[in-house]
Protein backbone atom coordinates (compact mmCIF):
# COMPACT_ATOMS: atom_id res chain seq x y z
CA UNK A 1 155.43 57.68 90.01
CA UNK A 2 155.91 56.23 93.49
CA UNK A 3 153.29 53.75 95.45
CA UNK A 4 151.94 53.92 98.11
CA UNK A 5 149.21 51.38 100.41
CA UNK A 6 145.65 53.04 100.95
CA UNK A 7 145.17 49.65 103.88
CA UNK A 8 146.16 46.36 101.60
CA UNK A 9 145.14 48.11 98.14
CA UNK A 10 148.43 49.39 96.12
CA UNK A 11 147.84 53.33 94.14
CA UNK A 12 149.62 55.54 92.64
CA UNK A 13 150.76 58.50 95.70
CA UNK A 14 149.14 61.29 93.03
CA UNK A 15 145.75 60.09 91.45
CA UNK A 16 143.17 61.96 89.17
CA UNK A 17 139.99 63.07 90.50
CA UNK A 18 138.16 63.62 86.94
CA UNK A 19 134.82 64.93 88.31
CA UNK A 20 135.95 68.46 86.87
CA UNK A 21 135.92 67.07 83.63
CA UNK A 22 132.25 66.69 83.28
CA UNK A 23 130.43 69.19 85.63
CA UNK A 24 131.18 72.14 88.12
CA UNK A 25 133.56 73.96 86.18
CA UNK A 26 132.17 75.90 83.48
CA UNK A 27 130.97 73.68 80.29
CA UNK A 28 132.21 69.97 80.21
CA UNK A 29 135.48 69.46 78.47
CA UNK A 30 135.76 68.24 75.14
CA UNK A 31 135.41 63.67 75.62
CA UNK A 32 138.54 63.12 73.24
CA UNK A 33 140.61 65.31 74.62
CA UNK A 34 139.78 63.90 78.44
CA UNK A 35 140.35 60.29 77.23
CA UNK A 36 143.88 61.57 75.72
CA UNK A 37 144.40 63.20 79.22
CA UNK A 38 143.56 60.09 81.25
CA UNK A 39 145.46 58.20 78.97
CA UNK A 40 148.74 60.28 79.44
CA UNK A 41 148.20 59.96 83.08
CA UNK A 42 148.78 56.29 83.23
CA UNK A 43 151.75 56.57 80.95
CA UNK A 44 152.30 59.13 83.85
CA UNK A 45 152.40 56.27 86.39
CA UNK A 46 148.53 57.37 87.73
CA UNK A 47 146.68 54.10 88.81
CA UNK A 48 144.13 55.63 90.86
CA UNK A 49 141.19 56.96 88.92
CA UNK A 50 138.01 58.60 90.93
CA UNK A 51 135.00 59.45 89.69
CA UNK A 52 131.12 59.51 90.95
CA UNK A 53 127.74 58.13 89.52
CA UNK A 54 126.12 61.53 89.82
CA UNK A 55 129.43 63.26 88.41
CA UNK A 56 127.30 64.65 85.13
CA UNK A 57 125.25 67.34 83.54
CA UNK A 58 122.19 68.31 82.82
CA UNK A 59 122.08 66.50 80.10
CA UNK A 60 123.64 63.32 81.44
CA UNK A 61 123.45 63.20 85.53
CA UNK A 62 126.20 59.98 84.42
CA UNK A 63 128.37 61.26 82.05
CA UNK A 64 131.84 61.06 84.45
CA UNK A 65 131.52 57.60 85.01
CA UNK A 66 131.20 56.73 81.21
CA UNK A 67 133.84 59.29 79.93
CA UNK A 68 135.97 57.44 82.86
CA UNK A 69 135.07 54.21 81.94
CA UNK A 70 135.97 54.06 78.41
CA UNK A 71 139.10 55.99 78.74
CA UNK A 72 140.32 53.34 81.24
CA UNK A 73 138.66 50.40 79.07
CA UNK A 74 142.55 49.50 77.77
CA UNK A 75 144.18 49.89 80.95
CA UNK A 76 141.70 48.15 83.15
CA UNK A 77 144.16 45.69 84.89
CA UNK A 78 146.62 48.33 85.40
CA UNK A 79 144.77 50.91 87.48
CA UNK A 80 142.37 51.11 90.52
CA UNK A 81 138.92 52.66 89.44
CA UNK A 82 136.79 54.30 92.27
CA UNK A 83 133.28 55.79 92.10
CA UNK A 84 130.66 56.43 94.78
CA UNK A 85 127.12 55.45 95.60
CA UNK A 86 124.69 56.69 97.87
CA UNK A 87 123.47 60.58 96.62
CA UNK A 88 121.40 62.12 94.43
CA UNK A 89 120.67 65.97 93.89
CA UNK A 90 117.51 67.57 94.53
CA UNK A 91 118.11 71.10 93.59
CA UNK A 92 114.71 72.01 94.49
CA UNK A 93 116.22 72.49 98.02
CA UNK A 94 118.41 75.76 97.51
CA UNK A 95 115.22 77.36 97.22
CA UNK A 96 115.03 76.57 100.89
CA UNK A 97 118.48 77.62 101.56
CA UNK A 98 119.05 73.82 102.13
CA UNK A 99 121.72 71.63 100.89
CA UNK A 100 121.10 70.10 97.57
CA UNK A 101 122.76 66.55 98.18
CA UNK A 102 120.30 63.74 99.83
CA UNK A 103 121.48 60.71 101.16
CA UNK A 104 120.14 57.33 99.98
CA UNK A 105 121.96 54.32 101.21
CA UNK A 106 118.88 51.98 101.60
CA UNK A 107 120.16 48.78 100.80
CA UNK A 108 118.33 48.70 97.45
CA UNK A 109 119.26 51.75 96.26
CA UNK A 110 123.32 50.20 96.91
CA UNK A 111 122.29 47.09 94.85
CA UNK A 112 121.24 49.44 92.03
CA UNK A 113 123.57 51.67 91.93
CA UNK A 114 126.32 49.21 91.70
CA UNK A 115 125.34 47.60 88.82
CA UNK A 116 124.66 50.89 86.86
CA UNK A 117 127.69 51.95 87.76
CA UNK A 118 129.30 48.90 86.14
CA UNK A 119 127.19 48.90 83.25
CA UNK A 120 128.52 52.65 82.81
CA UNK A 121 132.28 51.93 83.69
CA UNK A 122 132.12 48.58 81.26
CA UNK A 123 133.71 46.33 83.85
CA UNK A 124 132.59 43.66 86.00
CA UNK A 125 133.65 44.79 89.33
CA UNK A 126 134.93 48.16 91.18
CA UNK A 127 138.40 48.89 92.87
CA UNK A 128 137.40 50.79 95.40
CA UNK A 129 133.24 51.54 95.64
CA UNK A 130 132.73 54.44 98.48
CA UNK A 131 129.30 55.57 100.28
CA UNK A 132 129.54 59.30 98.98
CA UNK A 133 127.58 60.66 102.00
CA UNK A 134 126.74 59.05 105.30
CA UNK A 135 122.45 58.58 105.21
CA UNK A 136 121.36 59.69 108.65
CA UNK A 137 118.60 57.36 108.17
CA UNK A 138 120.52 54.12 107.85
CA UNK A 139 123.29 52.88 109.86
CA UNK A 140 126.79 52.82 108.66
CA UNK A 141 126.13 49.33 110.20
CA UNK A 142 123.84 47.92 107.00
CA UNK A 143 125.69 50.19 104.78
CA UNK A 144 129.34 47.72 105.87
CA UNK A 145 126.99 44.71 105.69
CA UNK A 146 125.78 45.14 102.17
CA UNK A 147 129.47 46.05 101.41
CA UNK A 148 130.69 42.63 102.54
CA UNK A 149 127.88 41.11 100.37
CA UNK A 150 129.23 43.07 97.63
CA UNK A 151 132.70 42.11 98.38
CA UNK A 152 131.36 38.28 98.33
CA UNK A 153 130.24 38.17 94.47
CA UNK A 154 133.16 40.07 93.27
CA UNK A 155 131.96 43.32 92.32
CA UNK A 156 133.55 45.70 94.45
CA UNK A 157 137.11 44.24 96.10
CA UNK A 158 137.10 47.31 98.49
CA UNK A 159 135.23 49.99 100.11
CA UNK A 160 135.33 53.64 101.55
CA UNK A 161 133.44 56.22 102.92
CA UNK A 162 133.57 59.92 101.92
CA UNK A 163 133.26 62.90 104.13
CA UNK A 164 133.45 60.43 107.43
CA UNK A 165 133.42 61.24 110.94
CA UNK A 166 135.63 59.21 113.34
CA UNK A 167 132.32 57.36 114.58
CA UNK A 168 131.05 56.68 111.36
CA UNK A 169 134.83 55.29 110.69
CA UNK A 170 134.71 52.88 113.52
CA UNK A 171 131.04 51.80 113.39
CA UNK A 172 131.51 51.04 109.53
CA UNK A 173 134.91 49.61 109.56
CA UNK A 174 133.51 47.06 113.15
CA UNK A 175 131.18 45.23 110.58
CA UNK A 176 133.34 45.27 107.15
CA UNK A 177 136.91 46.60 107.25
CA UNK A 178 137.24 49.86 105.28
CA UNK A 179 140.24 50.41 102.76
CA UNK A 180 140.17 54.41 102.48
CA UNK A 181 138.13 57.18 103.91
CA UNK A 182 138.08 60.33 101.30
CA UNK A 183 137.81 63.55 102.88
CA UNK A 184 138.30 67.24 102.09
CA UNK A 185 141.87 68.24 102.96
CA UNK A 186 144.51 70.95 102.26
CA UNK A 187 146.67 73.25 104.02
CA UNK A 188 143.13 75.55 104.28
CA UNK A 189 140.87 72.32 105.84
CA UNK A 190 143.21 70.70 108.22
CA UNK A 191 140.03 69.79 110.35
CA UNK A 192 140.08 65.62 109.23
CA UNK A 193 143.84 65.17 110.72
CA UNK A 194 141.70 64.58 113.88
CA UNK A 195 141.21 61.40 111.91
CA UNK A 196 144.79 60.38 111.42
CA UNK A 197 145.13 58.19 115.10
CA UNK A 198 142.40 56.24 113.88
CA UNK A 199 143.33 55.32 110.48
CA UNK A 200 146.70 54.93 111.93
CA UNK A 201 144.77 52.63 114.36
CA UNK A 202 142.68 50.44 111.88
CA UNK A 203 145.33 50.66 108.67
CA UNK A 204 143.16 52.57 107.03
CA UNK A 205 144.35 54.92 103.85
CA UNK A 206 143.10 59.08 103.83
CA UNK A 207 142.38 60.11 100.03
CA UNK A 208 142.64 63.91 100.25
CA UNK A 209 140.10 65.51 97.84
CA UNK A 210 140.21 69.40 96.73
CA UNK A 211 144.01 69.11 97.85
CA UNK A 212 144.22 72.53 96.24
CA UNK A 213 141.14 74.44 98.02
CA UNK A 214 139.40 74.38 94.57
CA UNK A 215 142.21 75.90 93.33
CA UNK A 216 143.66 78.44 95.20
CA UNK A 217 146.75 76.72 96.67
CA UNK A 218 147.91 77.02 92.81
CA UNK A 219 148.87 80.44 92.88
CA UNK A 220 147.26 80.89 89.52
CA UNK A 221 144.42 83.12 90.74
CA UNK A 222 144.26 86.93 92.18
CA UNK A 223 141.31 89.13 93.32
CA UNK A 224 140.59 90.01 89.70
CA UNK A 225 139.84 86.49 88.85
CA UNK A 226 137.03 86.10 86.79
CA UNK A 227 135.16 82.01 86.52
CA UNK A 228 133.00 81.55 82.90
CA UNK A 229 129.39 80.53 83.45
CA UNK A 230 128.75 77.29 85.32
CA UNK A 231 131.67 77.12 87.27
CA UNK A 232 131.10 77.23 90.71
CA UNK A 233 134.23 78.28 91.90
CA UNK A 234 132.51 82.09 91.29
CA UNK A 235 130.56 81.26 94.76
CA UNK A 236 133.34 79.72 96.45
CA UNK A 237 134.20 81.82 99.68
CA UNK A 238 137.84 81.94 99.19
CA UNK A 239 137.71 82.97 95.59
CA UNK A 240 136.52 86.67 96.65
CA UNK A 241 138.39 89.45 96.48
CA UNK A 242 137.99 89.81 99.88
CA UNK A 243 139.43 86.38 100.52
CA UNK A 244 141.89 86.37 98.24
CA UNK A 245 143.41 89.36 100.16
CA UNK A 246 143.04 87.40 103.65
CA UNK A 247 144.96 84.49 101.87
CA UNK A 248 147.93 86.57 100.92
CA UNK A 249 149.85 85.43 103.46
CA UNK A 250 149.41 81.93 102.90
CA UNK A 251 150.00 82.57 99.32
CA UNK A 252 153.38 83.97 99.84
CA UNK A 253 154.60 81.12 102.49
CA UNK A 254 153.75 78.32 99.03
CA UNK A 255 155.66 80.79 96.42
CA UNK A 256 158.46 80.92 99.04
CA UNK A 257 159.25 77.68 99.60
CA UNK A 258 158.20 76.58 96.22
CA UNK A 259 161.09 79.25 94.50
CA UNK A 260 163.33 77.40 97.30
CA UNK A 261 162.83 74.14 96.10
CA UNK A 262 162.71 75.11 91.97
CA UNK A 263 158.63 74.06 92.31
CA UNK A 264 155.31 75.41 91.93
CA UNK A 265 153.16 76.40 94.24
CA UNK A 266 151.13 73.42 93.77
CA UNK A 267 153.90 70.82 93.89
CA UNK A 268 154.45 72.17 97.54
CA UNK A 269 150.39 71.78 98.62
CA UNK A 270 150.56 68.64 97.28
CA UNK A 271 154.38 67.43 98.61
CA UNK A 272 153.10 68.82 101.87
CA UNK A 273 150.63 66.15 102.27
CA UNK A 274 152.36 63.36 101.27
CA UNK A 275 155.02 63.94 103.10
CA UNK A 276 152.54 64.52 106.30
CA UNK A 277 151.61 60.41 106.16
CA UNK A 278 152.13 57.57 104.46
CA UNK A 279 149.13 56.84 103.59
CA UNK A 280 147.52 59.78 102.27
CA UNK A 281 146.84 59.93 98.64
CA UNK A 282 145.89 62.86 96.41
CA UNK A 283 143.89 62.85 94.23
CA UNK A 284 143.66 66.52 92.44
CA UNK A 285 141.45 67.39 89.50
CA UNK A 286 142.72 68.95 86.07
CA UNK A 287 141.80 69.24 82.39
CA UNK A 288 145.38 70.41 81.62
CA UNK A 289 148.04 68.17 81.26
CA UNK A 290 150.34 70.82 81.77
CA UNK A 291 148.63 70.42 85.24
CA UNK A 292 148.68 66.90 85.25
CA UNK A 293 152.49 67.39 84.57
CA UNK A 294 152.73 69.43 87.62
CA UNK A 295 150.75 67.57 89.92
CA UNK A 296 152.40 63.87 89.49
CA UNK A 297 155.74 65.55 90.20
CA UNK A 298 154.79 66.23 93.25
CA UNK A 299 155.75 62.92 94.07
CA UNK A 300 159.19 63.17 93.61
CA UNK A 301 159.25 66.38 96.19
CA UNK A 302 160.42 65.34 99.83
CA UNK A 303 159.91 67.33 102.89
CA UNK A 304 161.51 66.31 105.71
CA UNK A 305 159.49 65.73 109.05
CA UNK A 306 160.83 69.28 110.47
CA UNK A 307 159.92 70.84 106.84
CA UNK A 308 156.67 69.40 107.28
CA UNK A 309 156.47 70.59 111.29
CA UNK A 310 157.76 74.19 110.47
CA UNK A 311 154.72 74.70 107.70
CA UNK A 312 152.16 73.41 110.05
CA UNK A 313 153.27 76.15 112.88
CA UNK A 314 152.84 78.52 109.78
CA UNK A 315 149.68 77.55 108.74
CA UNK A 316 148.50 77.77 112.54
CA UNK A 317 149.40 81.77 112.72
CA UNK A 318 148.31 82.98 109.20
CA UNK A 319 145.35 84.12 108.35
CA UNK A 320 142.77 82.16 106.07
CA UNK A 321 139.43 82.77 104.48
CA UNK A 322 136.49 80.77 104.58
CA UNK A 323 136.90 77.98 102.08
CA UNK A 324 134.13 75.80 100.44
CA UNK A 325 132.68 72.68 102.14
CA UNK A 326 134.55 73.55 105.30
CA UNK A 327 131.91 74.21 108.44
CA UNK A 328 133.43 77.30 110.06
CA UNK A 329 133.58 77.66 113.99
C-alpha cells in the first residue's frame, strides 16, 4: 500500500470506512468477523480507519467506536484513528419532513464528546478528529479554538471538518490549521472538486467518503437488486430501477476501462480519484474480505493525467441519476 499526506499526517492512500459494520446496511455485522476484517486491513497496509461517535445501533448508539477501538488496540501505534463529533439524531424530525441530523458544536458538548470517544476507543489520543457537520449556531472559529485546546492537552493530534464549504475551510483554518476535509466524492458526486484550489493553497488533505456512490460504481447492482430490511440503499435514488437504467452509460464506461486494465469497476472508480490529486484519500467501507482486497488493490492502478482527463470529459457528457446526499441543482 502506498501512502500520502493529509496536511502533515501520513496515511495509506486507501483507508477503511467502518460505519457500515454497525449501521445503515441491514443487520449489524458479526463483531468477531469485523475485528478480523480490520486486522486483515492492517496486514494489507491500511493505516487510516474512520468512525464516529454516532455510528451505532438502536441498542448501542456508539457501537462502532467500541468495535473499532477494540479491533485496533493491538496496532494502535501503527494506525491513524479518525472519529467525529458534533451531531446527534432526532428521528422525530423525519415526520416533519426534516433531516434527523441535529448539529451541536457547543464547546461543552465537544469536551464531553472527546472524552467519551477516548473511553470507547480505548486510547488516550485521537489522531484525526472531525467536526461531523458544521453547526450554524456556533461559528467555525469557535470550534477551531476548541480544537487548538484539545491539541495542546494531547487529546487529539489533528482535526478536520466533514461536509465543509470553502468559507468554512478558510475561516476554520485561519484559527487552527486543518489537516483534512472529509466530503462526499465520487464519479457521480463531483461538486466538491471546487474545493481543490483552497485545499492546495492551505495544504489540506481531502478524504473522500462514499467513493462508490454507496456501491453503484462497483457494478455489483442492477435494476433488479433488492436490499434487506434496514438497508438504507433501498431508499436511495441511485438504486431505483429507473436510475440504474439512467446510469447504464456510466457503468459501461467503468466496465470497459476495467476490462482494459484487468481490474474491477470499483478499482477504476477509486484509481480515478487517487490519480487525480496526490492529497486525496478514499475511505470505502466494506464487510467483506474480498472487497477489502479489491479496494486496497486500487492503490496500485496508475492512471495518467491524460487518462483521468479523458474520463472526466466523459463524465461531463453522460447521463447520471440523482445520488443520495447530493443536492440537485
